[in-house]
Amino acid sequence: FNHTYTMFTESGMPVRAKVNLTFKSLISPDDTRRKSPFE
């Protein structure tokens, strides 16, 4: 997560920002089994 503030009011309050996000999926152990497992 990183964010950059790009606009401020005269008092210095940030009012615009760009946020970059990276998520990693959550998978249960059962879901990780391959459709074609080793024989």
All heavy atoms as atom14 arrays in JSON, in Angstrom:
{
  "sequence": "FNHTYTMFTESGMPVRAKVNLTFKSLISPDDTRRKSPFE",
  "atom14_mask": [
    [1, 1, 1, 1, 1, 1, 1, 1, 1, 1, 1, 0, 0, 0],
    [1, 1, 1, 1, 1, 1, 1, 1, 0, 0, 0, 0, 0, 0],
    [1, 1, 1, 1, 1, 1, 1, 1, 1, 1, 0, 0, 0, 0],
    [1, 1, 1, 1, 1, 1, 1, 0, 0, 0, 0, 0, 0, 0],
    [1, 1, 1, 1, 1, 1, 1, 1, 1, 1, 1, 1, 0, 0],
    [1, 1, 1, 1, 1, 1, 1, 0, 0, 0, 0, 0, 0, 0],
    [1, 1, 1, 1, 1, 1, 1, 1, 0, 0, 0, 0, 0, 0],
    [1, 1, 1, 1, 1, 1, 1, 1, 1, 1, 1, 0, 0, 0],
    [1, 1, 1, 1, 1, 1, 1, 0, 0, 0, 0, 0, 0, 0],
    [1, 1, 1, 1, 1, 1, 1, 1, 1, 0, 0, 0, 0, 0],
    [1, 1, 1, 1, 1, 1, 0, 0, 0, 0, 0, 0, 0, 0],
    [1, 1, 1, 1, 0, 0, 0, 0, 0, 0, 0, 0, 0, 0],
    [1, 1, 1, 1, 1, 1, 1, 1, 0, 0, 0, 0, 0, 0],
    [1, 1, 1, 1, 1, 1, 1, 0, 0, 0, 0, 0, 0, 0],
    [1, 1, 1, 1, 1, 1, 1, 0, 0, 0, 0, 0, 0, 0],
    [1, 1, 1, 1, 1, 1, 1, 1, 1, 1, 1, 0, 0, 0],
    [1, 1, 1, 1, 1, 0, 0, 0, 0, 0, 0, 0, 0, 0],
    [1, 1, 1, 1, 1, 1, 1, 1, 1, 0, 0, 0, 0, 0],
    [1, 1, 1, 1, 1, 1, 1, 0, 0, 0, 0, 0, 0, 0],
    [1, 1, 1, 1, 1, 1, 1, 1, 0, 0, 0, 0, 0, 0],
    [1, 1, 1, 1, 1, 1, 1, 1, 0, 0, 0, 0, 0, 0],
    [1, 1, 1, 1, 1, 1, 1, 0, 0, 0, 0, 0, 0, 0],
    [1, 1, 1, 1, 1, 1, 1, 1, 1, 1, 1, 0, 0, 0],
    [1, 1, 1, 1, 1, 1, 1, 1, 1, 0, 0, 0, 0, 0],
    [1, 1, 1, 1, 1, 1, 0, 0, 0, 0, 0, 0, 0, 0],
    [1, 1, 1, 1, 1, 1, 1, 1, 0, 0, 0, 0, 0, 0],
    [1, 1, 1, 1, 1, 1, 1, 1, 0, 0, 0, 0, 0, 0],
    [1, 1, 1, 1, 1, 1, 0, 0, 0, 0, 0, 0, 0, 0],
    [1, 1, 1, 1, 1, 1, 1, 0, 0, 0, 0, 0, 0, 0],
    [1, 1, 1, 1, 1, 1, 1, 1, 0, 0, 0, 0, 0, 0],
    [1, 1, 1, 1, 1, 1, 1, 1, 0, 0, 0, 0, 0, 0],
    [1, 1, 1, 1, 1, 1, 1, 0, 0, 0, 0, 0, 0, 0],
    [1, 1, 1, 1, 1, 1, 1, 1, 1, 1, 1, 0, 0, 0],
    [1, 1, 1, 1, 1, 1, 1, 1, 1, 1, 1, 0, 0, 0],
    [1, 1, 1, 1, 1, 1, 1, 1, 1, 0, 0, 0, 0, 0],
    [1, 1, 1, 1, 1, 1, 0, 0, 0, 0, 0, 0, 0, 0],
    [1, 1, 1, 1, 1, 1, 1, 0, 0, 0, 0, 0, 0, 0],
    [1, 1, 1, 1, 1, 1, 1, 1, 1, 1, 1, 0, 0, 0],
    [1, 1, 1, 1, 1, 1, 1, 1, 1, 0, 0, 0, 0, 0]
  ],
  "atom14_positions": [
    [[0.85, -1.19, 0.0], [0.0, 0.0, 0.0], [0.89, 1.24, 0.0], [1.76, 1.38, 0.86], [-0.91, 0.01, 1.24], [-1.6, 1.32, 1.49], [-2.71, 1.68, 0.76], [-1.13, 2.19, 2.46], [-3.34, 2.9, 0.99], [-1.75, 3.41, 2.7], [-2.86, 3.76, 1.96], [0.0, 0.0, 0.0], [0.0, 0.0, 0.0], [0.0, 0.0, 0.0]],
    [[0.73, 2.08, -0.99], [1.41, 3.38, -0.94], [0.47, 4.44, -1.47], [-0.37, 4.17, -2.34], [2.76, 3.35, -1.68], [2.6, 3.25, -3.18], [2.17, 4.19, -3.84], [2.97, 2.09, -3.74], [0.0, 0.0, 0.0], [0.0, 0.0, 0.0], [0.0, 0.0, 0.0], [0.0, 0.0, 0.0], [0.0, 0.0, 0.0], [0.0, 0.0, 0.0]],
    [[0.58, 5.61, -0.93], [-0.32, 6.68, -1.32], [0.46, 7.98, -1.46], [1.41, 8.25, -0.73], [-1.44, 6.84, -0.29], [-0.99, 6.97, 1.12], [-0.39, 5.94, 1.81], [-1.05, 8.01, 1.99], [-0.1, 6.33, 3.03], [-0.49, 7.59, 3.17], [0.0, 0.0, 0.0], [0.0, 0.0, 0.0], [0.0, 0.0, 0.0], [0.0, 0.0, 0.0]],
    [[0.03, 8.77, -2.43], [0.66, 10.06, -2.72], [-0.42, 11.13, -2.68], [-1.44, 11.03, -3.37], [1.32, 10.05, -4.11], [2.27, 8.98, -4.18], [2.03, 11.36, -4.38], [0.0, 0.0, 0.0], [0.0, 0.0, 0.0], [0.0, 0.0, 0.0], [0.0, 0.0, 0.0], [0.0, 0.0, 0.0], [0.0, 0.0, 0.0], [0.0, 0.0, 0.0]],
    [[-0.2, 12.15, -1.85], [-1.14, 13.26, -1.78], [-0.78, 14.29, -2.84], [0.39, 14.7, -2.96], [-1.12, 13.88, -0.38], [-1.58, 12.92, 0.7], [-0.68, 12.35, 1.59], [-2.91, 12.55, 0.79], [-1.1, 11.45, 2.56], [-3.35, 11.66, 1.76], [-2.44, 11.11, 2.63], [-2.85, 10.21, 3.59], [0.0, 0.0, 0.0], [0.0, 0.0, 0.0]],
    [[-1.77, 14.7, -3.62], [-1.5, 15.54, -4.77], [-2.16, 16.92, -4.72], [-1.89, 17.76, -5.58], [-1.97, 14.84, -6.06], [-3.39, 14.57, -5.96], [-1.23, 13.51, -6.24], [0.0, 0.0, 0.0], [0.0, 0.0, 0.0], [0.0, 0.0, 0.0], [0.0, 0.0, 0.0], [0.0, 0.0, 0.0], [0.0, 0.0, 0.0], [0.0, 0.0, 0.0]],
    [[-3.02, 17.17, -3.73], [-3.67, 18.47, -3.63], [-3.99, 18.78, -2.17], [-4.36, 17.88, -1.41], [-4.95, 18.51, -4.47], [-5.64, 19.86, -4.5], [-7.06, 19.88, -5.62], [-7.69, 21.54, -5.34], [0.0, 0.0, 0.0], [0.0, 0.0, 0.0], [0.0, 0.0, 0.0], [0.0, 0.0, 0.0], [0.0, 0.0, 0.0], [0.0, 0.0, 0.0]],
    [[-3.84, 20.06, -1.81], [-4.04, 20.48, -0.42], [-4.83, 21.79, -0.39], [-4.81, 22.57, -1.33], [-2.69, 20.69, 0.28], [-1.75, 19.52, 0.16], [-0.95, 19.35, -0.96], [-1.68, 18.58, 1.18], [-0.1, 18.27, -1.08], [-0.83, 17.49, 1.08], [-0.04, 17.33, -0.06], [0.0, 0.0, 0.0], [0.0, 0.0, 0.0], [0.0, 0.0, 0.0]],
    [[-5.51, 22.01, 0.72], [-6.18, 23.3, 0.93], [-5.14, 24.31, 1.42], [-3.98, 23.96, 1.67], [-7.3, 23.17, 1.98], [-6.71, 22.78, 3.24], [-8.32, 22.12, 1.55], [0.0, 0.0, 0.0], [0.0, 0.0, 0.0], [0.0, 0.0, 0.0], [0.0, 0.0, 0.0], [0.0, 0.0, 0.0], [0.0, 0.0, 0.0], [0.0, 0.0, 0.0]],
    [[-5.54, 25.54, 1.57], [-4.62, 26.58, 2.04], [-4.07, 26.27, 3.43], [-2.95, 26.67, 3.78], [-5.32, 27.95, 2.04], [-5.65, 28.46, 0.65], [-6.31, 29.83, 0.7], [-6.57, 30.32, 1.83], [-6.58, 30.41, -0.38], [0.0, 0.0, 0.0], [0.0, 0.0, 0.0], [0.0, 0.0, 0.0], [0.0, 0.0, 0.0], [0.0, 0.0, 0.0]],
    [[-4.83, 25.53, 4.21], [-4.39, 25.18, 5.56], [-3.47, 23.96, 5.57], [-2.97, 23.57, 6.63], [-5.6, 24.91, 6.45], [-6.32, 23.78, 5.98], [0.0, 0.0, 0.0], [0.0, 0.0, 0.0], [0.0, 0.0, 0.0], [0.0, 0.0, 0.0], [0.0, 0.0, 0.0], [0.0, 0.0, 0.0], [0.0, 0.0, 0.0], [0.0, 0.0, 0.0]],
    [[-3.26, 23.34, 4.4], [-2.39, 22.17, 4.33], [-3.12, 20.84, 4.43], [-2.48, 19.79, 4.45], [0.0, 0.0, 0.0], [0.0, 0.0, 0.0], [0.0, 0.0, 0.0], [0.0, 0.0, 0.0], [0.0, 0.0, 0.0], [0.0, 0.0, 0.0], [0.0, 0.0, 0.0], [0.0, 0.0, 0.0], [0.0, 0.0, 0.0], [0.0, 0.0, 0.0]],
    [[-4.42, 20.84, 4.48], [-5.18, 19.6, 4.58], [-5.18, 18.89, 3.23], [-5.53, 19.49, 2.21], [-6.62, 19.89, 5.02], [-7.49, 18.63, 5.15], [-9.17, 19.01, 5.73], [-9.84, 19.91, 4.33], [0.0, 0.0, 0.0], [0.0, 0.0, 0.0], [0.0, 0.0, 0.0], [0.0, 0.0, 0.0], [0.0, 0.0, 0.0], [0.0, 0.0, 0.0]],
    [[-4.79, 17.62, 3.18], [-4.8, 16.89, 1.9], [-6.23, 16.58, 1.46], [-7.05, 16.13, 2.27], [-4.03, 15.62, 2.21], [-4.2, 15.42, 3.68], [-4.26, 16.78, 4.28], [0.0, 0.0, 0.0], [0.0, 0.0, 0.0], [0.0, 0.0, 0.0], [0.0, 0.0, 0.0], [0.0, 0.0, 0.0], [0.0, 0.0, 0.0], [0.0, 0.0, 0.0]],
    [[-6.52, 16.82, 0.18], [-7.87, 16.6, -0.33], [-7.88, 15.72, -1.59], [-8.95, 15.33, -2.05], [-8.59, 17.93, -0.63], [-8.93, 18.65, 0.65], [-7.75, 18.81, -1.55], [0.0, 0.0, 0.0], [0.0, 0.0, 0.0], [0.0, 0.0, 0.0], [0.0, 0.0, 0.0], [0.0, 0.0, 0.0], [0.0, 0.0, 0.0], [0.0, 0.0, 0.0]],
    [[-6.71, 15.39, -2.1], [-6.62, 14.46, -3.23], [-5.45, 13.52, -3.01], [-4.41, 13.93, -2.51], [-6.45, 15.2, -4.56], [-7.72, 15.81, -5.1], [-7.51, 16.49, -6.44], [-8.74, 17.17, -6.86], [-8.79, 18.05, -7.85], [-7.68, 18.35, -8.54], [-9.93, 18.62, -8.18], [0.0, 0.0, 0.0], [0.0, 0.0, 0.0], [0.0, 0.0, 0.0]],
    [[-5.64, 12.28, -3.43], [-4.58, 11.29, -3.24], [-4.68, 10.21, -4.3], [-5.76, 9.9, -4.8], [-4.66, 10.67, -1.86], [0.0, 0.0, 0.0], [0.0, 0.0, 0.0], [0.0, 0.0, 0.0], [0.0, 0.0, 0.0], [0.0, 0.0, 0.0], [0.0, 0.0, 0.0], [0.0, 0.0, 0.0], [0.0, 0.0, 0.0], [0.0, 0.0, 0.0]],
    [[-3.52, 9.64, -4.62], [-3.45, 8.47, -5.49], [-2.97, 7.3, -4.65], [-1.95, 7.4, -3.97], [-2.5, 8.71, -6.67], [-2.4, 7.52, -7.61], [-1.43, 7.8, -8.76], [-1.33, 6.59, -9.68], [-0.37, 6.83, -10.79], [0.0, 0.0, 0.0], [0.0, 0.0, 0.0], [0.0, 0.0, 0.0], [0.0, 0.0, 0.0], [0.0, 0.0, 0.0]],
    [[-3.71, 6.21, -4.68], [-3.4, 5.05, -3.85], [-3.09, 3.86, -4.75], [-3.87, 3.54, -5.65], [-4.59, 4.71, -2.93], [-4.35, 3.39, -2.2], [-4.82, 5.83, -1.94], [0.0, 0.0, 0.0], [0.0, 0.0, 0.0], [0.0, 0.0, 0.0], [0.0, 0.0, 0.0], [0.0, 0.0, 0.0], [0.0, 0.0, 0.0], [0.0, 0.0, 0.0]],
    [[-1.93, 3.23, -4.52], [-1.56, 2.01, -5.23], [-1.7, 0.83, -4.27], [-1.13, 0.86, -3.17], [-0.13, 2.09, -5.75], [0.05, 3.18, -6.79], [-0.76, 3.33, -7.69], [1.1, 3.96, -6.66], [0.0, 0.0, 0.0], [0.0, 0.0, 0.0], [0.0, 0.0, 0.0], [0.0, 0.0, 0.0], [0.0, 0.0, 0.0], [0.0, 0.0, 0.0]],
    [[-2.43, -0.18, -4.7], [-2.72, -1.33, -3.83], [-2.33, -2.63, -4.51], [-2.49, -2.79, -5.72], [-4.22, -1.39, -3.51], [-4.79, -0.37, -2.53], [-6.3, -0.42, -2.58], [-4.3, -0.66, -1.13], [0.0, 0.0, 0.0], [0.0, 0.0, 0.0], [0.0, 0.0, 0.0], [0.0, 0.0, 0.0], [0.0, 0.0, 0.0], [0.0, 0.0, 0.0]],
    [[-1.82, -3.56, -3.7], [-1.58, -4.93, -4.17], [-2.23, -5.88, -3.17], [-2.0, -5.78, -1.97], [-0.08, -5.24, -4.27], [0.53, -4.35, -5.19], [0.13, -6.68, -4.75], [0.0, 0.0, 0.0], [0.0, 0.0, 0.0], [0.0, 0.0, 0.0], [0.0, 0.0, 0.0], [0.0, 0.0, 0.0], [0.0, 0.0, 0.0], [0.0, 0.0, 0.0]],
    [[-3.08, -6.76, -3.69], [-3.75, -7.76, -2.86], [-3.2, -9.14, -3.21], [-2.78, -9.39, -4.35], [-5.26, -7.79, -3.14], [-5.97, -6.48, -2.97], [-5.95, -5.52, -3.96], [-6.68, -6.21, -1.81], [-6.62, -4.32, -3.82], [-7.36, -5.02, -1.65], [-7.33, -4.07, -2.65], [0.0, 0.0, 0.0], [0.0, 0.0, 0.0], [0.0, 0.0, 0.0]],
    [[-3.24, -10.04, -2.26], [-2.92, -11.44, -2.5], [-4.14, -12.27, -2.12], [-4.69, -12.1, -1.04], [-1.69, -11.87, -1.71], [-1.19, -13.26, -2.04], [0.26, -13.47, -1.62], [1.22, -12.74, -2.54], [2.63, -13.12, -2.29], [0.0, 0.0, 0.0], [0.0, 0.0, 0.0], [0.0, 0.0, 0.0], [0.0, 0.0, 0.0], [0.0, 0.0, 0.0]],
    [[-4.56, -13.14, -3.02], [-5.79, -13.88, -2.8], [-5.66, -14.87, -1.66], [-4.58, -15.37, -1.36], [-6.21, -14.62, -4.08], [-5.25, -15.63, -4.39], [0.0, 0.0, 0.0], [0.0, 0.0, 0.0], [0.0, 0.0, 0.0], [0.0, 0.0, 0.0], [0.0, 0.0, 0.0], [0.0, 0.0, 0.0], [0.0, 0.0, 0.0], [0.0, 0.0, 0.0]],
    [[-6.78, -15.17, -1.03], [-6.86, -16.17, 0.03], [-7.54, -17.4, -0.53], [-8.66, -17.33, -1.04], [-7.66, -15.63, 1.22], [-7.02, -14.47, 1.99], [-7.99, -13.97, 3.05], [-5.72, -14.9, 2.63], [0.0, 0.0, 0.0], [0.0, 0.0, 0.0], [0.0, 0.0, 0.0], [0.0, 0.0, 0.0], [0.0, 0.0, 0.0], [0.0, 0.0, 0.0]],
    [[-6.87, -18.55, -0.45], [-7.39, -19.79, -0.99], [-7.31, -20.84, 0.1], [-6.28, -20.99, 0.76], [-6.6, -20.25, -2.22], [-6.54, -19.13, -3.26], [-7.2, -21.5, -2.82], [-5.65, -19.45, -4.44], [0.0, 0.0, 0.0], [0.0, 0.0, 0.0], [0.0, 0.0, 0.0], [0.0, 0.0, 0.0], [0.0, 0.0, 0.0], [0.0, 0.0, 0.0]],
    [[-8.38, -21.58, 0.28], [-8.37, -22.66, 1.26], [-7.54, -23.82, 0.74], [-7.35, -23.97, -0.47], [-9.8, -23.14, 1.53], [-10.31, -23.8, 0.39], [0.0, 0.0, 0.0], [0.0, 0.0, 0.0], [0.0, 0.0, 0.0], [0.0, 0.0, 0.0], [0.0, 0.0, 0.0], [0.0, 0.0, 0.0], [0.0, 0.0, 0.0], [0.0, 0.0, 0.0]],
    [[-7.0, -24.67, 1.63], [-6.2, -25.82, 1.18], [-6.93, -26.7, 0.18], [-6.33, -27.22, -0.75], [-5.91, -26.57, 2.49], [-5.95, -25.51, 3.54], [-7.03, -24.56, 3.1], [0.0, 0.0, 0.0], [0.0, 0.0, 0.0], [0.0, 0.0, 0.0], [0.0, 0.0, 0.0], [0.0, 0.0, 0.0], [0.0, 0.0, 0.0], [0.0, 0.0, 0.0]],
    [[-8.24, -26.86, 0.34], [-9.0, -27.7, -0.59], [-9.02, -27.09, -1.99], [-9.01, -27.81, -3.0], [-10.44, -27.89, -0.1], [-10.5, -28.79, 1.14], [-9.54, -29.54, 1.36], [-11.51, -28.71, 1.86], [0.0, 0.0, 0.0], [0.0, 0.0, 0.0], [0.0, 0.0, 0.0], [0.0, 0.0, 0.0], [0.0, 0.0, 0.0], [0.0, 0.0, 0.0]],
    [[-9.04, -25.75, -2.06], [-9.11, -25.09, -3.35], [-7.8, -25.17, -4.11], [-7.75, -24.94, -5.32], [-9.49, -23.62, -3.19], [-10.91, -23.45, -2.69], [-11.71, -24.37, -2.91], [-11.21, -22.41, -2.08], [0.0, 0.0, 0.0], [0.0, 0.0, 0.0], [0.0, 0.0, 0.0], [0.0, 0.0, 0.0], [0.0, 0.0, 0.0], [0.0, 0.0, 0.0]],
    [[-6.7, -25.46, -3.4], [-5.39, -25.48, -4.05], [-5.12, -26.8, -4.76], [-4.12, -26.93, -5.46], [-4.27, -25.23, -3.03], [-4.3, -26.27, -2.03], [-4.46, -23.88, -2.35], [0.0, 0.0, 0.0], [0.0, 0.0, 0.0], [0.0, 0.0, 0.0], [0.0, 0.0, 0.0], [0.0, 0.0, 0.0], [0.0, 0.0, 0.0], [0.0, 0.0, 0.0]],
    [[-5.97, -27.79, -4.55], [-5.76, -29.06, -5.23], [-5.95, -28.9, -6.73], [-6.89, -28.28, -7.18], [-6.73, -30.11, -4.69], [-6.5, -30.46, -3.23], [-7.57, -31.38, -2.7], [-7.37, -31.66, -1.29], [-8.25, -32.28, -0.53], [-9.4, -32.69, -1.05], [-8.01, -32.49, 0.75], [0.0, 0.0, 0.0], [0.0, 0.0, 0.0], [0.0, 0.0, 0.0]],
    [[-5.06, -29.46, -7.48], [-5.12, -29.37, -8.94], [-6.27, -30.21, -9.49], [-6.63, -31.25, -8.93], [-3.8, -29.85, -9.54], [-2.61, -28.99, -9.11], [-2.69, -27.64, -9.74], [-1.65, -26.75, -9.21], [-1.5, -25.5, -9.6], [-2.31, -24.99, -10.5], [-0.54, -24.76, -9.08], [0.0, 0.0, 0.0], [0.0, 0.0, 0.0], [0.0, 0.0, 0.0]],
    [[-6.86, -29.73, -10.58], [-7.93, -30.5, -11.22], [-7.4, -31.82, -11.75], [-8.15, -32.78, -11.89], [-8.54, -29.67, -12.36], [-9.32, -28.45, -11.88], [-9.95, -27.72, -13.04], [-10.74, -26.52, -12.56], [-11.35, -25.77, -13.7], [0.0, 0.0, 0.0], [0.0, 0.0, 0.0], [0.0, 0.0, 0.0], [0.0, 0.0, 0.0], [0.0, 0.0, 0.0]],
    [[-6.13, -31.86, -12.11], [-5.52, -33.1, -12.6], [-4.35, -33.45, -11.7], [-3.19, -33.23, -12.04], [-5.03, -32.92, -14.05], [-6.11, -32.62, -14.9], [0.0, 0.0, 0.0], [0.0, 0.0, 0.0], [0.0, 0.0, 0.0], [0.0, 0.0, 0.0], [0.0, 0.0, 0.0], [0.0, 0.0, 0.0], [0.0, 0.0, 0.0], [0.0, 0.0, 0.0]],
    [[-4.6, -34.01, -10.51], [-3.53, -34.33, -9.57], [-2.7, -35.5, -10.07], [-3.08, -36.2, -11.0], [-4.28, -34.68, -8.28], [-5.59, -35.22, -8.78], [-5.92, -34.41, -10.01], [0.0, 0.0, 0.0], [0.0, 0.0, 0.0], [0.0, 0.0, 0.0], [0.0, 0.0, 0.0], [0.0, 0.0, 0.0], [0.0, 0.0, 0.0], [0.0, 0.0, 0.0]],
    [[-1.55, -35.71, -9.39], [-0.73, -36.86, -9.74], [-1.55, -38.14, -9.59], [-2.33, -38.3, -8.64], [0.49, -36.94, -8.82], [1.46, -35.82, -9.01], [1.75, -34.95, -7.95], [2.08, -35.61, -10.22], [2.64, -33.92, -8.13], [2.98, -34.58, -10.4], [3.26, -33.72, -9.36], [0.0, 0.0, 0.0], [0.0, 0.0, 0.0], [0.0, 0.0, 0.0]],
    [[-1.37, -39.04, -10.52], [-2.04, -40.33, -10.42], [-1.55, -41.03, -9.16], [-0.38, -40.93, -8.79], [-1.72, -41.18, -11.65], [-2.55, -42.44, -11.75], [-2.28, -43.18, -13.05], [-1.79, -42.55, -13.99], [-2.54, -44.39, -13.07], [0.0, 0.0, 0.0], [0.0, 0.0, 0.0], [0.0, 0.0, 0.0], [0.0, 0.0, 0.0], [0.0, 0.0, 0.0]]
  ]
}
